Protein backbone atom coordinates (compact mmCIF):
# COMPACT_ATOMS: atom_id res chain seq x y z
CA MET A 1 106.14 23.89 45.71
CA LYS A 2 106.72 27.63 47.35
CA GLN A 3 106.55 29.02 43.46
CA SER A 4 103.68 27.23 42.52
CA LYS A 5 101.81 28.45 45.17
CA SER A 6 102.91 32.21 44.60
CA SER A 7 102.18 31.48 41.73
CA ASN A 8 98.25 30.07 41.76
CA ARG A 9 98.11 33.17 43.48
CA LEU A 10 99.45 35.31 40.97
CA TYR A 11 97.51 33.59 38.51
CA GLU A 12 94.02 34.11 40.80
CA LYS A 13 94.63 37.53 41.36
CA ILE A 14 94.69 38.18 37.28
CA ARG A 15 91.86 35.70 36.59
CA ASN A 16 89.62 37.67 39.56
CA TYR A 17 90.29 40.87 37.33
CA MET A 18 90.05 39.78 34.18
CA GLN A 19 86.57 38.35 35.36
CA GLN A 20 84.99 41.62 37.17
CA GLY A 21 86.00 43.03 33.11
CA ILE A 22 89.12 45.60 34.72
CA PRO A 23 91.00 47.09 31.85
CA ALA A 24 94.26 45.91 30.57
CA THR A 25 95.32 49.79 31.56
CA ASN A 26 94.60 49.18 35.36
CA LYS A 27 97.85 50.43 37.72
CA GLU A 28 97.71 46.26 39.40
CA VAL A 29 96.54 44.99 36.03
CA GLN A 30 99.99 45.88 34.94
CA SER A 31 101.83 45.56 38.34
CA LEU A 32 100.13 41.32 38.15
CA ALA A 33 101.14 41.48 33.94
CA LYS A 34 104.60 41.99 34.60
CA GLN A 35 104.46 39.40 37.82
CA TRP A 36 103.14 37.13 35.62
CA GLN A 37 106.37 37.76 32.14
CA ASN A 38 108.71 37.59 35.51
CA LEU A 39 108.07 34.01 36.54
CA VAL A 40 107.47 32.83 32.91
CA GLU A 41 110.79 34.12 31.37
CA MET A 42 112.54 31.87 35.09
CA PHE A 43 110.98 29.18 32.30
CA ALA A 44 110.07 29.81 29.03
CA PRO A 45 113.46 28.89 26.23
CA LYS A 46 115.27 32.18 25.82
CA ASN A 47 114.84 33.88 22.80
CA ASP A 48 111.80 31.72 21.97
CA PRO A 49 109.29 34.77 20.44
CA GLU A 50 107.57 31.14 18.37
CA PHE A 51 107.29 29.77 22.25
CA MET A 52 105.66 33.54 23.93
CA LYS A 53 103.02 33.98 20.28
CA SER A 54 102.30 30.04 21.44
CA ALA A 55 101.64 30.64 25.29
CA GLU A 56 99.71 33.69 24.82
CA LYS A 57 97.72 32.09 22.19
CA PHE A 58 97.18 28.75 24.44
CA HIS A 59 95.91 31.15 27.45
CA ILE A 60 93.56 33.86 25.02
CA GLU A 61 91.88 30.09 23.79
CA ARG A 62 91.16 29.36 27.01
CA VAL A 63 90.33 32.25 29.84
CA ASN A 64 88.99 29.39 31.50
CA PHE A 65 91.28 27.35 31.36
CA PHE A 66 92.76 26.83 34.53
């Protein structure tokens, strides 16, 4: 449960930056993106580039899904 709450907070921070139009080159956005990537890697199948492509596509197509 703790992981879920922290990942939800992380997602909200990322989403807020996106909604504000803050560019991905922003240092804080880069830091949040790295944290998200580390979180995803904890649960994603190892060495599966197709999974990562599929996940990225899902989130690009559903920016407001969560």
